Structure formats: structure tokens, C-alpha cells
Amino acid sequence: AALPEFRDALPEGARAFASEAGHYDYTSERCVKDLELADIALPTTT
């Protein structure tokens, strides 16, 4: 419900991810709920 208020303040990639159809639809294959953690690559600096 709040996403439309701040969506345009998100950077492009984050905006697309947060707004993706199905992101919060528990019946969607594109819902993040129930994904299983596989790998974390820590930040690197240059």
C-alpha cells in the first residue's frame, strides 16, 4: 500500500524488483517467500 508513495525514490533496479508483479503474491512463482538461501558473496571494495 505504501510502495506508490516512495517507488520513484528507489534506484532503477530496486524499483523494478520491488514493483515486480508477483513479488508479494504467495501463489506466484515470482514471489520471494519460500526461496531457500544458497550463497552469500560478501562485499568487495576497489
All heavy atoms as atom14 arrays in JSON, in Angstrom:
{
  "sequence": "AALPEFRDALPEGARAFASEAGHYDYTSERCVKDLELADIALPTTT",
  "atom14_mask": [
    [1, 1, 1, 1, 1, 0, 0, 0, 0, 0, 0, 0, 0, 0],
    [1, 1, 1, 1, 1, 0, 0, 0, 0, 0, 0, 0, 0, 0],
    [1, 1, 1, 1, 1, 1, 1, 1, 0, 0, 0, 0, 0, 0],
    [1, 1, 1, 1, 1, 1, 1, 0, 0, 0, 0, 0, 0, 0],
    [1, 1, 1, 1, 1, 1, 1, 1, 1, 0, 0, 0, 0, 0],
    [1, 1, 1, 1, 1, 1, 1, 1, 1, 1, 1, 0, 0, 0],
    [1, 1, 1, 1, 1, 1, 1, 1, 1, 1, 1, 0, 0, 0],
    [1, 1, 1, 1, 1, 1, 1, 1, 0, 0, 0, 0, 0, 0],
    [1, 1, 1, 1, 1, 0, 0, 0, 0, 0, 0, 0, 0, 0],
    [1, 1, 1, 1, 1, 1, 1, 1, 0, 0, 0, 0, 0, 0],
    [1, 1, 1, 1, 1, 1, 1, 0, 0, 0, 0, 0, 0, 0],
    [1, 1, 1, 1, 1, 1, 1, 1, 1, 0, 0, 0, 0, 0],
    [1, 1, 1, 1, 0, 0, 0, 0, 0, 0, 0, 0, 0, 0],
    [1, 1, 1, 1, 1, 0, 0, 0, 0, 0, 0, 0, 0, 0],
    [1, 1, 1, 1, 1, 1, 1, 1, 1, 1, 1, 0, 0, 0],
    [1, 1, 1, 1, 1, 0, 0, 0, 0, 0, 0, 0, 0, 0],
    [1, 1, 1, 1, 1, 1, 1, 1, 1, 1, 1, 0, 0, 0],
    [1, 1, 1, 1, 1, 0, 0, 0, 0, 0, 0, 0, 0, 0],
    [1, 1, 1, 1, 1, 1, 0, 0, 0, 0, 0, 0, 0, 0],
    [1, 1, 1, 1, 1, 1, 1, 1, 1, 0, 0, 0, 0, 0],
    [1, 1, 1, 1, 1, 0, 0, 0, 0, 0, 0, 0, 0, 0],
    [1, 1, 1, 1, 0, 0, 0, 0, 0, 0, 0, 0, 0, 0],
    [1, 1, 1, 1, 1, 1, 1, 1, 1, 1, 0, 0, 0, 0],
    [1, 1, 1, 1, 1, 1, 1, 1, 1, 1, 1, 1, 0, 0],
    [1, 1, 1, 1, 1, 1, 1, 1, 0, 0, 0, 0, 0, 0],
    [1, 1, 1, 1, 1, 1, 1, 1, 1, 1, 1, 1, 0, 0],
    [1, 1, 1, 1, 1, 1, 1, 0, 0, 0, 0, 0, 0, 0],
    [1, 1, 1, 1, 1, 1, 0, 0, 0, 0, 0, 0, 0, 0],
    [1, 1, 1, 1, 1, 1, 1, 1, 1, 0, 0, 0, 0, 0],
    [1, 1, 1, 1, 1, 1, 1, 1, 1, 1, 1, 0, 0, 0],
    [1, 1, 1, 1, 1, 1, 0, 0, 0, 0, 0, 0, 0, 0],
    [1, 1, 1, 1, 1, 1, 1, 0, 0, 0, 0, 0, 0, 0],
    [1, 1, 1, 1, 1, 1, 1, 1, 1, 0, 0, 0, 0, 0],
    [1, 1, 1, 1, 1, 1, 1, 1, 0, 0, 0, 0, 0, 0],
    [1, 1, 1, 1, 1, 1, 1, 1, 0, 0, 0, 0, 0, 0],
    [1, 1, 1, 1, 1, 1, 1, 1, 1, 0, 0, 0, 0, 0],
    [1, 1, 1, 1, 1, 1, 1, 1, 0, 0, 0, 0, 0, 0],
    [1, 1, 1, 1, 1, 0, 0, 0, 0, 0, 0, 0, 0, 0],
    [1, 1, 1, 1, 1, 1, 1, 1, 0, 0, 0, 0, 0, 0],
    [1, 1, 1, 1, 1, 1, 1, 1, 0, 0, 0, 0, 0, 0],
    [1, 1, 1, 1, 1, 0, 0, 0, 0, 0, 0, 0, 0, 0],
    [1, 1, 1, 1, 1, 1, 1, 1, 0, 0, 0, 0, 0, 0],
    [1, 1, 1, 1, 1, 1, 1, 0, 0, 0, 0, 0, 0, 0],
    [1, 1, 1, 1, 1, 1, 1, 0, 0, 0, 0, 0, 0, 0],
    [1, 1, 1, 1, 1, 1, 1, 0, 0, 0, 0, 0, 0, 0],
    [1, 1, 1, 1, 1, 1, 1, 0, 0, 0, 0, 0, 0, 0]
  ],
  "atom14_positions": [
    [[0.82, -1.21, 0.0], [0.0, 0.0, 0.0], [0.85, 1.26, 0.0], [0.51, 2.26, -0.63], [-0.93, 0.0, 1.21], [0.0, 0.0, 0.0], [0.0, 0.0, 0.0], [0.0, 0.0, 0.0], [0.0, 0.0, 0.0], [0.0, 0.0, 0.0], [0.0, 0.0, 0.0], [0.0, 0.0, 0.0], [0.0, 0.0, 0.0], [0.0, 0.0, 0.0]],
    [[2.0, 1.24, 0.7], [2.87, 2.42, 0.79], [3.82, 2.56, -0.4], [4.3, 3.66, -0.67], [3.68, 2.37, 2.09], [0.0, 0.0, 0.0], [0.0, 0.0, 0.0], [0.0, 0.0, 0.0], [0.0, 0.0, 0.0], [0.0, 0.0, 0.0], [0.0, 0.0, 0.0], [0.0, 0.0, 0.0], [0.0, 0.0, 0.0], [0.0, 0.0, 0.0]],
    [[4.1, 1.48, -1.11], [5.08, 1.49, -2.21], [4.86, 2.62, -3.22], [5.83, 3.28, -3.6], [5.12, 0.13, -2.9], [6.14, -0.05, -4.02], [7.56, 0.21, -3.52], [6.03, -1.45, -4.61], [0.0, 0.0, 0.0], [0.0, 0.0, 0.0], [0.0, 0.0, 0.0], [0.0, 0.0, 0.0], [0.0, 0.0, 0.0], [0.0, 0.0, 0.0]],
    [[3.64, 2.92, -3.67], [3.48, 4.01, -4.63], [3.98, 5.37, -4.12], [4.38, 6.22, -4.91], [1.97, 4.05, -4.87], [1.51, 2.66, -4.57], [2.39, 2.2, -3.44], [0.0, 0.0, 0.0], [0.0, 0.0, 0.0], [0.0, 0.0, 0.0], [0.0, 0.0, 0.0], [0.0, 0.0, 0.0], [0.0, 0.0, 0.0], [0.0, 0.0, 0.0]],
    [[4.02, 5.57, -2.81], [4.47, 6.83, -2.23], [5.97, 7.04, -2.38], [6.43, 8.17, -2.47], [4.1, 6.9, -0.74], [2.62, 6.85, -0.46], [2.32, 6.7, 1.02], [3.2, 6.99, 1.86], [1.2, 6.27, 1.34], [0.0, 0.0, 0.0], [0.0, 0.0, 0.0], [0.0, 0.0, 0.0], [0.0, 0.0, 0.0], [0.0, 0.0, 0.0]],
    [[6.76, 5.96, -2.37], [8.21, 6.11, -2.42], [8.86, 5.37, -3.59], [10.08, 5.42, -3.75], [8.86, 5.68, -1.1], [8.58, 4.27, -0.69], [9.28, 3.21, -1.23], [7.61, 4.0, 0.27], [9.03, 1.9, -0.83], [7.35, 2.7, 0.67], [8.06, 1.65, 0.12], [0.0, 0.0, 0.0], [0.0, 0.0, 0.0], [0.0, 0.0, 0.0]],
    [[8.08, 4.71, -4.42], [8.62, 3.93, -5.54], [9.57, 4.74, -6.41], [10.65, 4.28, -6.78], [7.48, 3.36, -6.39], [7.96, 2.58, -7.58], [6.86, 2.11, -8.53], [5.52, 2.44, -8.14], [4.54, 1.55, -7.95], [4.77, 0.27, -8.13], [3.34, 1.93, -7.6], [0.0, 0.0, 0.0], [0.0, 0.0, 0.0], [0.0, 0.0, 0.0]],
    [[9.21, 5.99, -6.74], [10.05, 6.8, -7.62], [11.35, 7.25, -6.96], [12.27, 7.66, -7.65], [9.27, 8.01, -8.13], [8.15, 7.61, -9.09], [8.2, 6.48, -9.64], [7.23, 8.42, -9.29], [0.0, 0.0, 0.0], [0.0, 0.0, 0.0], [0.0, 0.0, 0.0], [0.0, 0.0, 0.0], [0.0, 0.0, 0.0], [0.0, 0.0, 0.0]],
    [[11.44, 7.14, -5.64], [12.67, 7.5, -4.93], [13.67, 6.33, -4.91], [14.83, 6.51, -4.54], [12.36, 7.94, -3.51], [0.0, 0.0, 0.0], [0.0, 0.0, 0.0], [0.0, 0.0, 0.0], [0.0, 0.0, 0.0], [0.0, 0.0, 0.0], [0.0, 0.0, 0.0], [0.0, 0.0, 0.0], [0.0, 0.0, 0.0], [0.0, 0.0, 0.0]],
    [[13.22, 5.14, -5.31], [14.11, 3.98, -5.37], [14.95, 4.03, -6.65], [14.46, 4.44, -7.7], [13.3, 2.68, -5.37], [12.58, 2.31, -4.08], [11.59, 1.17, -4.34], [13.58, 1.93, -3.01], [0.0, 0.0, 0.0], [0.0, 0.0, 0.0], [0.0, 0.0, 0.0], [0.0, 0.0, 0.0], [0.0, 0.0, 0.0], [0.0, 0.0, 0.0]],
    [[16.21, 3.6, -6.58], [17.01, 3.48, -7.8], [16.35, 2.5, -8.77], [15.54, 1.66, -8.36], [18.35, 2.95, -7.3], [18.37, 3.18, -5.84], [16.95, 3.21, -5.39], [0.0, 0.0, 0.0], [0.0, 0.0, 0.0], [0.0, 0.0, 0.0], [0.0, 0.0, 0.0], [0.0, 0.0, 0.0], [0.0, 0.0, 0.0], [0.0, 0.0, 0.0]],
    [[16.71, 2.56, -10.02], [16.04, 1.82, -11.09], [15.9, 0.32, -10.82], [14.82, -0.25, -10.94], [16.79, 2.03, -12.41], [16.16, 1.34, -13.58], [16.92, 1.57, -14.88], [17.86, 2.4, -14.92], [16.57, 0.91, -15.86], [0.0, 0.0, 0.0], [0.0, 0.0, 0.0], [0.0, 0.0, 0.0], [0.0, 0.0, 0.0], [0.0, 0.0, 0.0]],
    [[16.99, -0.36, -10.47], [16.93, -1.8, -10.25], [16.07, -2.17, -9.04], [15.29, -3.12, -9.09], [0.0, 0.0, 0.0], [0.0, 0.0, 0.0], [0.0, 0.0, 0.0], [0.0, 0.0, 0.0], [0.0, 0.0, 0.0], [0.0, 0.0, 0.0], [0.0, 0.0, 0.0], [0.0, 0.0, 0.0], [0.0, 0.0, 0.0], [0.0, 0.0, 0.0]],
    [[16.22, -1.42, -7.96], [15.44, -1.67, -6.76], [13.96, -1.41, -7.02], [13.1, -2.15, -6.55], [15.94, -0.79, -5.61], [0.0, 0.0, 0.0], [0.0, 0.0, 0.0], [0.0, 0.0, 0.0], [0.0, 0.0, 0.0], [0.0, 0.0, 0.0], [0.0, 0.0, 0.0], [0.0, 0.0, 0.0], [0.0, 0.0, 0.0], [0.0, 0.0, 0.0]],
    [[13.67, -0.37, -7.78], [12.28, -0.04, -8.13], [11.65, -1.18, -8.93], [10.53, -1.61, -8.65], [12.23, 1.27, -8.91], [10.82, 1.72, -9.27], [10.78, 3.11, -9.89], [11.69, 3.29, -11.0], [12.78, 4.06, -10.98], [13.11, 4.75, -9.9], [13.55, 4.16, -12.04], [0.0, 0.0, 0.0], [0.0, 0.0, 0.0], [0.0, 0.0, 0.0]],
    [[12.38, -1.71, -9.9], [11.86, -2.8, -10.72], [11.62, -4.05, -9.87], [10.59, -4.71, -10.01], [12.83, -3.11, -11.86], [0.0, 0.0, 0.0], [0.0, 0.0, 0.0], [0.0, 0.0, 0.0], [0.0, 0.0, 0.0], [0.0, 0.0, 0.0], [0.0, 0.0, 0.0], [0.0, 0.0, 0.0], [0.0, 0.0, 0.0], [0.0, 0.0, 0.0]],
    [[12.54, -4.36, -8.98], [12.42, -5.54, -8.13], [11.23, -5.4, -7.17], [10.4, -6.31, -7.06], [13.71, -5.76, -7.36], [13.69, -6.92, -6.42], [13.39, -8.2, -6.86], [13.99, -6.74, -5.08], [13.38, -9.28, -5.98], [13.99, -7.82, -4.19], [13.69, -9.09, -4.64], [0.0, 0.0, 0.0], [0.0, 0.0, 0.0], [0.0, 0.0, 0.0]],
    [[11.13, -4.28, -6.49], [10.06, -4.08, -5.51], [8.69, -4.04, -6.18], [7.69, -4.43, -5.57], [10.3, -2.79, -4.73], [0.0, 0.0, 0.0], [0.0, 0.0, 0.0], [0.0, 0.0, 0.0], [0.0, 0.0, 0.0], [0.0, 0.0, 0.0], [0.0, 0.0, 0.0], [0.0, 0.0, 0.0], [0.0, 0.0, 0.0], [0.0, 0.0, 0.0]],
    [[8.64, -3.58, -7.42], [7.37, -3.41, -8.14], [6.99, -4.61, -8.99], [5.92, -4.62, -9.6], [7.46, -2.18, -9.05], [7.79, -1.04, -8.3], [0.0, 0.0, 0.0], [0.0, 0.0, 0.0], [0.0, 0.0, 0.0], [0.0, 0.0, 0.0], [0.0, 0.0, 0.0], [0.0, 0.0, 0.0], [0.0, 0.0, 0.0], [0.0, 0.0, 0.0]],
    [[7.86, -5.62, -9.07], [7.61, -6.76, -9.95], [6.29, -7.44, -9.59], [6.0, -7.74, -8.43], [8.76, -7.77, -9.84], [8.61, -8.93, -10.78], [9.78, -9.89, -10.73], [10.5, -9.93, -9.73], [9.95, -10.63, -11.72], [0.0, 0.0, 0.0], [0.0, 0.0, 0.0], [0.0, 0.0, 0.0], [0.0, 0.0, 0.0], [0.0, 0.0, 0.0]],
    [[5.52, -7.7, -10.61], [4.25, -8.41, -10.42], [4.55, -9.76, -9.78], [5.45, -10.47, -10.19], [3.54, -8.6, -11.76], [0.0, 0.0, 0.0], [0.0, 0.0, 0.0], [0.0, 0.0, 0.0], [0.0, 0.0, 0.0], [0.0, 0.0, 0.0], [0.0, 0.0, 0.0], [0.0, 0.0, 0.0], [0.0, 0.0, 0.0], [0.0, 0.0, 0.0]],
    [[3.83, -10.1, -8.77], [4.0, -11.38, -8.1], [4.96, -11.37, -6.93], [5.04, -12.34, -6.19], [0.0, 0.0, 0.0], [0.0, 0.0, 0.0], [0.0, 0.0, 0.0], [0.0, 0.0, 0.0], [0.0, 0.0, 0.0], [0.0, 0.0, 0.0], [0.0, 0.0, 0.0], [0.0, 0.0, 0.0], [0.0, 0.0, 0.0], [0.0, 0.0, 0.0]],
    [[5.7, -10.28, -6.74], [6.71, -10.22, -5.68], [6.13, -10.6, -4.31], [6.77, -11.31, -3.53], [7.32, -8.81, -5.62], [8.51, -8.69, -4.72], [9.73, -8.29, -5.19], [8.66, -8.9, -3.4], [10.59, -8.27, -4.17], [9.96, -8.63, -3.09], [0.0, 0.0, 0.0], [0.0, 0.0, 0.0], [0.0, 0.0, 0.0], [0.0, 0.0, 0.0]],
    [[4.94, -10.13, -4.01], [4.3, -10.41, -2.73], [3.03, -11.26, -2.87], [2.26, -11.38, -1.93], [3.98, -9.11, -1.99], [5.22, -8.38, -1.57], [5.67, -7.25, -2.25], [5.98, -8.84, -0.5], [6.82, -6.6, -1.88], [7.15, -8.2, -0.13], [7.56, -7.08, -0.81], [8.72, -6.44, -0.45], [0.0, 0.0, 0.0], [0.0, 0.0, 0.0]],
    [[2.84, -11.88, -4.02], [1.71, -12.78, -4.25], [2.17, -14.19, -3.94], [2.91, -14.8, -4.71], [1.24, -12.66, -5.7], [0.14, -13.63, -6.06], [-0.26, -14.45, -5.21], [-0.32, -13.58, -7.21], [0.0, 0.0, 0.0], [0.0, 0.0, 0.0], [0.0, 0.0, 0.0], [0.0, 0.0, 0.0], [0.0, 0.0, 0.0], [0.0, 0.0, 0.0]],
    [[1.75, -14.73, -2.81], [2.25, -16.02, -2.34], [2.02, -17.16, -3.32], [2.68, -18.19, -3.24], [1.62, -16.38, -1.0], [2.01, -15.46, 0.15], [1.39, -15.58, 1.38], [2.99, -14.48, 0.02], [1.73, -14.76, 2.44], [3.33, -13.65, 1.06], [2.7, -13.79, 2.28], [3.04, -12.98, 3.32], [0.0, 0.0, 0.0], [0.0, 0.0, 0.0]],
    [[1.1, -17.0, -4.26], [0.83, -18.05, -5.23], [1.68, -17.91, -6.5], [1.65, -18.8, -7.35], [-0.66, -18.06, -5.64], [-0.98, -16.83, -6.3], [-1.55, -18.24, -4.41], [0.0, 0.0, 0.0], [0.0, 0.0, 0.0], [0.0, 0.0, 0.0], [0.0, 0.0, 0.0], [0.0, 0.0, 0.0], [0.0, 0.0, 0.0], [0.0, 0.0, 0.0]],
    [[2.44, -16.83, -6.61], [3.23, -16.56, -7.8], [4.61, -17.23, -7.74], [5.24, -17.29, -6.69], [3.42, -15.05, -7.97], [4.35, -14.78, -9.01], [0.0, 0.0, 0.0], [0.0, 0.0, 0.0], [0.0, 0.0, 0.0], [0.0, 0.0, 0.0], [0.0, 0.0, 0.0], [0.0, 0.0, 0.0], [0.0, 0.0, 0.0], [0.0, 0.0, 0.0]],
    [[5.1, -17.7, -8.9], [6.47, -18.22, -8.99], [7.49, -17.12, -8.77], [8.65, -17.39, -8.5], [6.71, -18.84, -10.36], [6.09, -20.18, -10.56], [6.6, -20.86, -11.82], [7.21, -20.2, -12.68], [6.38, -22.08, -11.92], [0.0, 0.0, 0.0], [0.0, 0.0, 0.0], [0.0, 0.0, 0.0], [0.0, 0.0, 0.0], [0.0, 0.0, 0.0]],
    [[7.09, -15.88, -8.91], [7.99, -14.73, -8.73], [7.91, -14.12, -7.33], [8.44, -13.07, -7.07], [7.69, -13.66, -9.77], [7.96, -14.09, -11.19], [9.45, -14.29, -11.4], [9.76, -14.36, -12.8], [10.58, -15.25, -13.32], [11.14, -16.15, -12.56], [10.84, -15.25, -14.6], [0.0, 0.0, 0.0], [0.0, 0.0, 0.0], [0.0, 0.0, 0.0]],
    [[7.23, -14.8, -6.43], [7.16, -14.35, -5.04], [8.44, -14.79, -4.33], [8.88, -15.93, -4.47], [5.95, -14.97, -4.34], [5.77, -14.45, -2.62], [0.0, 0.0, 0.0], [0.0, 0.0, 0.0], [0.0, 0.0, 0.0], [0.0, 0.0, 0.0], [0.0, 0.0, 0.0], [0.0, 0.0, 0.0], [0.0, 0.0, 0.0], [0.0, 0.0, 0.0]],
    [[9.03, -13.9, -3.55], [10.27, -14.23, -2.85], [10.05, -15.17, -1.67], [10.99, -15.86, -1.25], [11.01, -12.95, -2.38], [11.42, -12.1, -3.56], [10.18, -12.16, -1.38], [0.0, 0.0, 0.0], [0.0, 0.0, 0.0], [0.0, 0.0, 0.0], [0.0, 0.0, 0.0], [0.0, 0.0, 0.0], [0.0, 0.0, 0.0], [0.0, 0.0, 0.0]],
    [[8.84, -15.2, -1.15], [8.57, -16.05, 0.01], [8.87, -17.51, -0.33], [8.53, -18.0, -1.4], [7.12, -15.91, 0.47], [6.86, -16.68, 1.76], [5.53, -16.35, 2.34], [5.26, -17.05, 3.65], [5.96, -18.25, 3.95], [0.0, 0.0, 0.0], [0.0, 0.0, 0.0], [0.0, 0.0, 0.0], [0.0, 0.0, 0.0], [0.0, 0.0, 0.0]],
    [[9.55, -18.17, 0.57], [9.89, -19.59, 0.49], [11.11, -19.92, -0.36], [11.48, -21.09, -0.46], [8.69, -20.44, 0.04], [7.51, -20.32, 0.99], [7.75, -20.24, 2.21], [6.37, -20.27, 0.51], [0.0, 0.0, 0.0], [0.0, 0.0, 0.0], [0.0, 0.0, 0.0], [0.0, 0.0, 0.0], [0.0, 0.0, 0.0], [0.0, 0.0, 0.0]],
    [[11.75, -18.92, -0.97], [13.04, -19.19, -1.62], [14.01, -19.65, -0.53], [13.89, -19.28, 0.63], [13.59, -17.93, -2.29], [12.88, -17.49, -3.56], [13.3, -16.07, -3.93], [13.18, -18.45, -4.71], [0.0, 0.0, 0.0], [0.0, 0.0, 0.0], [0.0, 0.0, 0.0], [0.0, 0.0, 0.0], [0.0, 0.0, 0.0], [0.0, 0.0, 0.0]],
    [[15.01, -20.46, -0.91], [15.96, -21.02, 0.05], [17.34, -20.4, -0.14], [17.86, -20.35, -1.26], [16.03, -22.54, -0.13], [14.69, -23.2, 0.08], [14.69, -24.69, -0.25], [15.73, -25.22, -0.7], [13.64, -25.32, -0.06], [0.0, 0.0, 0.0], [0.0, 0.0, 0.0], [0.0, 0.0, 0.0], [0.0, 0.0, 0.0], [0.0, 0.0, 0.0]],
    [[17.93, -19.95, 0.95], [19.25, -19.34, 0.89], [20.27, -20.34, 0.35], [20.37, -21.46, 0.84], [19.68, -18.86, 2.28], [21.03, -18.15, 2.38], [21.02, -16.86, 1.56], [21.37, -17.85, 3.83], [0.0, 0.0, 0.0], [0.0, 0.0, 0.0], [0.0, 0.0, 0.0], [0.0, 0.0, 0.0], [0.0, 0.0, 0.0], [0.0, 0.0, 0.0]],
    [[21.02, -19.93, -0.68], [22.01, -20.81, -1.3], [23.43, -20.29, -1.12], [24.35, -21.07, -0.84], [21.71, -20.97, -2.79], [0.0, 0.0, 0.0], [0.0, 0.0, 0.0], [0.0, 0.0, 0.0], [0.0, 0.0, 0.0], [0.0, 0.0, 0.0], [0.0, 0.0, 0.0], [0.0, 0.0, 0.0], [0.0, 0.0, 0.0], [0.0, 0.0, 0.0]],
    [[23.64, -18.97, -1.27], [25.01, -18.46, -1.26], [25.02, -16.96, -0.96], [24.11, -16.24, -1.4], [25.65, -18.7, -2.64], [27.11, -18.29, -2.68], [27.91, -18.88, -1.93], [27.43, -17.36, -3.44], [0.0, 0.0, 0.0], [0.0, 0.0, 0.0], [0.0, 0.0, 0.0], [0.0, 0.0, 0.0], [0.0, 0.0, 0.0], [0.0, 0.0, 0.0]],
    [[26.04, -16.53, -0.25], [26.26, -15.11, 0.0], [27.69, -14.79, -0.41], [28.63, -15.46, 0.02], [26.07, -14.75, 1.49], [24.63, -14.99, 1.92], [26.5, -13.32, 1.76], [24.38, -14.78, 3.41], [0.0, 0.0, 0.0], [0.0, 0.0, 0.0], [0.0, 0.0, 0.0], [0.0, 0.0, 0.0], [0.0, 0.0, 0.0], [0.0, 0.0, 0.0]],
    [[27.85, -13.79, -1.27], [29.17, -13.28, -1.64], [29.31, -11.92, -0.99], [28.56, -10.99, -1.3], [29.32, -13.18, -3.15], [0.0, 0.0, 0.0], [0.0, 0.0, 0.0], [0.0, 0.0, 0.0], [0.0, 0.0, 0.0], [0.0, 0.0, 0.0], [0.0, 0.0, 0.0], [0.0, 0.0, 0.0], [0.0, 0.0, 0.0], [0.0, 0.0, 0.0]],
    [[30.24, -11.81, -0.06], [30.4, -10.57, 0.71], [30.91, -9.43, -0.14], [31.53, -9.64, -1.19], [31.34, -10.83, 1.89], [30.81, -11.83, 2.91], [31.86, -12.12, 3.97], [29.54, -11.32, 3.55], [0.0, 0.0, 0.0], [0.0, 0.0, 0.0], [0.0, 0.0, 0.0], [0.0, 0.0, 0.0], [0.0, 0.0, 0.0], [0.0, 0.0, 0.0]],
    [[30.68, -8.2, 0.32], [31.1, -7.03, -0.46], [32.61, -6.98, -0.65], [33.37, -7.35, 0.23], [30.64, -5.84, 0.38], [29.74, -6.38, 1.42], [30.02, -7.84, 1.54], [0.0, 0.0, 0.0], [0.0, 0.0, 0.0], [0.0, 0.0, 0.0], [0.0, 0.0, 0.0], [0.0, 0.0, 0.0], [0.0, 0.0, 0.0], [0.0, 0.0, 0.0]],
    [[32.98, -6.55, -1.82], [34.39, -6.31, -2.12], [34.53, -4.83, -2.46], [33.62, -4.21, -2.99], [34.86, -7.15, -3.31], [34.01, -6.88, -4.43], [34.77, -8.64, -2.99], [0.0, 0.0, 0.0], [0.0, 0.0, 0.0], [0.0, 0.0, 0.0], [0.0, 0.0, 0.0], [0.0, 0.0, 0.0], [0.0, 0.0, 0.0], [0.0, 0.0, 0.0]],
    [[35.68, -4.26, -2.12], [35.92, -2.86, -2.45], [37.1, -2.75, -3.4], [37.99, -3.59, -3.41], [36.21, -2.02, -1.19], [37.34, -2.6, -0.52], [35.03, -2.01, -0.25], [0.0, 0.0, 0.0], [0.0, 0.0, 0.0], [0.0, 0.0, 0.0], [0.0, 0.0, 0.0], [0.0, 0.0, 0.0], [0.0, 0.0, 0.0], [0.0, 0.0, 0.0]],
    [[37.08, -1.71, -4.19], [38.15, -1.46, -5.14], [38.62, -0.03, -4.95], [37.84, 0.91, -5.12], [37.66, -1.66, -6.58], [37.11, -2.98, -6.7], [38.79, -1.51, -7.57], [0.0, 0.0, 0.0], [0.0, 0.0, 0.0], [0.0, 0.0, 0.0], [0.0, 0.0, 0.0], [0.0, 0.0, 0.0], [0.0, 0.0, 0.0], [0.0, 0.0, 0.0]]
  ]
}
